[in-house]
Amino acid sequence: MDLNPATVEEAQQHQPLLKRKPIKRSVIQKALKKMFTGSGHLSNLLPTGTVLTFQFLSPLFTNRGHCTPLNRDWATGLVAVAGVLCFVLCFTDSFRDEKGKVRYGLATKKGLWVFDSKAAAKLSPEVASTYRLRFIDFVHAFMSILVFSAIVLFDQNVMSCFYPTPSEERKELFKSLPIWIGISCTVLFVIVPTKRHGIGFPLSST
């Protein structure tokens, strides 16, 4: 007996949908997923503007690795200033006001001190307190200094300036130390992640 196509289609629509079975993951799979997620947020450890400025000025300040005593002083100052900025900017945060404009502030014990006074007037004390200074900020700042140190060790101009003829032991140390710093900071960032968006850190559109 032939069935009406419309009747067949209607019967299929009333059939219960197949339920998707939940995927069971092992403990190792869950740990790896968490590790990869934390690695994706590793860029939050450093203010991109500070790092890009350091990489841009490094060849100029070090004379492309052929340093004079004056160049060495300039390179020292560049590394010191960039390192301090990486540390301090970890205590900054950003948010979007009612008009959707990004506003920046500095985390304090009482809350967020907004640089823009007009935005500060619109930020209620309850909302500002959610941005208050926490212990995780100091951990994040310490990791930021470590990652920046790894970037300095990878910079051939800076290393040639301070160590023009390094020994074989130092060469191996300079090659392996940044890798261990990256691994350690990735693990720490997975264990103690931060949700703070400072100056130079990515901020979502929402």
Protein backbone atom coordinates (compact mmCIF):
# COMPACT_ATOMS: atom_id res chain seq x y z
CA MET A 1 0.00 0.00 0.00
CA ASP A 2 1.35 3.36 -1.05
CA LEU A 3 1.61 5.99 1.63
CA ASN A 4 0.98 9.64 1.11
CA PRO A 5 4.33 11.53 1.24
CA ALA A 6 2.73 14.21 3.41
CA THR A 7 1.57 11.55 5.87
CA VAL A 8 5.06 10.02 6.03
CA GLU A 9 6.66 13.42 6.62
CA GLU A 10 4.15 14.21 9.37
CA ALA A 11 4.82 10.87 11.07
CA GLN A 12 8.57 11.51 10.99
CA GLN A 13 8.09 14.89 12.60
CA HIS A 14 6.24 13.29 15.52
CA GLN A 15 8.96 10.73 16.13
CA PRO A 16 11.06 11.40 19.21
CA LEU A 17 14.43 12.98 18.53
CA LEU A 18 17.49 10.86 19.13
CA LYS A 19 19.21 11.88 22.33
CA ARG A 20 22.90 12.54 22.02
CA LYS A 21 24.82 10.49 24.50
CA PRO A 22 27.12 12.54 26.72
CA ILE A 23 30.79 12.13 25.90
CA LYS A 24 32.68 10.64 28.78
CA ARG A 25 36.19 12.03 29.16
CA SER A 26 38.93 10.52 31.23
CA VAL A 27 40.81 12.41 33.91
CA ILE A 28 43.77 12.86 31.55
CA GLN A 29 41.54 14.26 28.80
CA LYS A 30 39.97 16.73 31.22
CA ALA A 31 43.40 17.82 32.43
CA LEU A 32 44.68 18.27 28.87
CA LYS A 33 41.60 20.28 27.91
CA LYS A 34 42.12 22.56 30.89
CA MET A 35 45.80 22.89 30.03
CA PHE A 36 45.11 23.86 26.42
CA THR A 37 42.46 26.36 27.52
CA GLY A 38 44.94 27.96 29.90
CA SER A 39 47.60 28.02 27.20
CA GLY A 40 45.21 29.95 24.97
CA HIS A 41 44.97 32.64 27.65
CA LEU A 42 48.76 32.82 28.08
CA SER A 43 48.77 36.03 26.03
CA ASN A 44 47.11 37.74 29.01
CA LEU A 45 50.35 37.43 30.94
CA LEU A 46 51.97 40.32 29.07
CA PRO A 47 50.74 43.74 27.90
CA THR A 48 51.14 43.53 24.14
CA GLY A 49 51.91 47.22 23.75
CA THR A 50 54.86 47.06 26.15
CA VAL A 51 56.31 43.94 24.52
CA LEU A 52 55.96 45.34 21.00
CA THR A 53 57.61 48.59 22.08
CA PHE A 54 60.49 46.68 23.64
CA GLN A 55 60.99 44.57 20.51
CA PHE A 56 60.86 47.68 18.32
CA LEU A 57 63.36 49.67 20.40
CA SER A 58 65.70 46.79 21.19
CA PRO A 59 67.74 46.93 17.93
CA LEU A 60 68.01 50.71 18.21
CA PHE A 61 69.09 50.83 21.84
CA THR A 62 71.57 47.96 21.50
CA ASN A 63 72.96 48.99 18.11
CA ARG A 64 71.83 45.58 16.83
CA GLY A 65 73.90 43.78 19.45
CA HIS A 66 77.12 45.75 18.89
CA CYS A 67 76.97 47.66 22.14
CA THR A 68 79.10 50.49 23.37
CA PRO A 69 79.04 51.32 27.10
CA LEU A 70 76.37 53.93 26.32
CA ASN A 71 74.28 51.39 24.39
CA ARG A 72 74.56 49.00 27.29
CA ASP A 73 73.19 51.65 29.65
CA TRP A 74 70.32 52.35 27.26
CA ALA A 75 69.56 48.64 26.96
CA THR A 76 69.57 48.29 30.74
CA GLY A 77 67.13 51.17 31.05
CA LEU A 78 64.89 49.74 28.32
CA VAL A 79 64.70 46.32 30.00
CA ALA A 80 64.08 47.91 33.41
CA VAL A 81 61.33 50.27 32.21
CA ALA A 82 59.59 47.57 30.18
CA GLY A 83 59.78 45.14 33.10
CA VAL A 84 58.30 47.68 35.52
CA LEU A 85 55.50 48.41 33.06
CA CYS A 86 54.72 44.71 32.70
CA PHE A 87 54.48 44.49 36.49
CA VAL A 88 52.41 47.64 37.06
CA LEU A 89 49.99 47.07 34.17
CA CYS A 90 48.94 43.77 35.74
CA PHE A 91 47.11 45.87 38.36
CA THR A 92 45.10 47.78 35.77
CA ASP A 93 41.66 46.83 34.54
CA SER A 94 39.18 47.95 31.91
CA PHE A 95 35.44 47.95 31.41
CA ARG A 96 32.84 49.34 29.05
CA ASP A 97 30.67 52.22 30.19
CA GLU A 98 27.03 52.79 29.33
CA LYS A 99 27.97 54.08 25.87
CA GLY A 100 30.19 51.06 25.14
CA LYS A 101 33.43 53.02 25.41
CA VAL A 102 36.39 51.27 27.03
CA ARG A 103 37.48 52.85 30.30
CA TYR A 104 40.66 52.06 32.23
CA GLY A 105 41.46 52.06 35.91
CA LEU A 106 43.92 50.92 38.57
CA ALA A 107 42.95 48.25 41.08
CA THR A 108 43.17 49.36 44.72
CA LYS A 109 42.18 47.84 48.04
CA LYS A 110 38.83 49.65 47.96
CA GLY A 111 38.02 49.05 44.31
CA LEU A 112 38.85 50.45 40.91
CA TRP A 113 40.32 53.93 40.57
CA VAL A 114 39.25 55.01 37.09
CA PHE A 115 41.58 57.32 35.17
CA ASP A 116 38.66 59.15 33.58
CA SER A 117 36.88 61.17 36.29
CA LYS A 118 33.62 61.24 34.33
CA ALA A 119 33.57 57.46 34.11
CA ALA A 120 34.44 57.22 37.80
CA ALA A 121 31.35 59.24 38.67
CA LYS A 122 29.16 56.71 36.84
CA LEU A 123 30.81 53.65 38.41
CA SER A 124 28.93 52.68 41.56
CA PRO A 125 30.88 51.65 44.67
CA GLU A 126 29.36 48.16 44.46
CA VAL A 127 30.60 47.66 40.91
CA ALA A 128 33.97 49.25 41.65
CA SER A 129 34.52 46.88 44.57
CA THR A 130 34.41 43.88 42.22
CA TYR A 131 37.65 45.18 40.69
CA ARG A 132 39.46 45.50 44.02
CA LEU A 133 43.07 44.40 44.45
CA ARG A 134 43.55 40.69 45.13
CA PHE A 135 46.42 38.33 45.85
CA ILE A 136 46.05 36.79 42.39
CA ASP A 137 47.10 40.14 40.91
CA PHE A 138 50.52 39.85 42.55
CA VAL A 139 50.87 36.26 41.32
CA HIS A 140 49.94 37.40 37.83
CA ALA A 141 52.43 40.28 38.00
CA PHE A 142 55.20 37.92 39.08
CA MET A 143 54.43 35.57 36.18
CA SER A 144 54.38 38.57 33.83
CA ILE A 145 57.93 39.46 34.89
CA LEU A 146 59.04 35.86 34.34
CA VAL A 147 57.55 35.70 30.83
CA PHE A 148 59.08 39.07 29.96
CA SER A 149 62.43 37.75 31.18
CA ALA A 150 62.04 34.84 28.77
CA ILE A 151 61.42 37.30 25.93
CA VAL A 152 64.57 39.20 26.89
CA LEU A 153 66.57 35.96 26.86
CA PHE A 154 65.26 35.21 23.36
CA ASP A 155 66.26 38.68 22.12
CA GLN A 156 69.61 38.21 20.38
CA ASN A 157 70.35 41.94 20.36
CA VAL A 158 70.06 42.28 24.13
CA MET A 159 71.90 39.05 24.86
CA SER A 160 74.75 39.98 22.48
CA CYS A 161 74.95 43.33 24.21
CA PHE A 162 75.32 41.92 27.73
CA TYR A 163 77.01 38.62 26.82
CA PRO A 164 79.00 39.10 23.59
CA THR A 165 81.02 35.89 24.08
CA PRO A 166 79.00 33.58 26.36
CA SER A 167 80.37 30.25 27.46
CA GLU A 168 78.84 26.98 26.30
CA GLU A 169 77.16 26.53 29.68
CA ARG A 170 75.51 29.94 29.44
CA LYS A 171 74.40 29.27 25.88
CA GLU A 172 72.61 26.13 27.01
CA LEU A 173 71.12 27.99 29.97
CA PHE A 174 69.85 30.83 27.78
CA LYS A 175 68.25 28.30 25.43
CA SER A 176 66.56 26.11 28.05
CA LEU A 177 65.57 28.70 30.67
CA PRO A 178 62.92 30.49 28.54
CA ILE A 179 61.30 27.14 27.72
CA TRP A 180 61.05 26.17 31.38
CA ILE A 181 59.71 29.62 32.23
CA GLY A 182 57.01 29.26 29.59
CA ILE A 183 55.98 25.81 30.81
CA SER A 184 55.94 26.87 34.47
CA CYS A 185 53.93 30.03 33.82
CA THR A 186 51.44 28.10 31.69
CA VAL A 187 50.84 25.62 34.51
CA LEU A 188 50.52 28.40 37.08
CA PHE A 189 48.15 30.34 34.86
CA VAL A 190 45.92 27.25 34.52
CA ILE A 191 45.90 26.77 38.30
CA VAL A 192 45.33 30.43 39.16
CA PRO A 193 43.77 32.16 36.13
CA THR A 194 42.91 35.85 36.13
CA LYS A 195 39.94 37.60 34.55
CA ARG A 196 41.44 41.08 34.74
CA HIS A 197 41.66 43.07 31.49
CA GLY A 198 44.29 45.76 31.84
CA ILE A 199 45.81 48.26 29.45
CA GLY A 200 47.30 46.33 26.57
CA PHE A 201 45.28 43.19 27.25
CA PRO A 202 42.46 41.98 24.96
CA LEU A 203 38.94 43.04 25.94
CA SER A 204 35.88 41.26 24.63
CA SER A 205 33.23 43.18 22.74
CA THR A 206 30.54 42.26 25.25
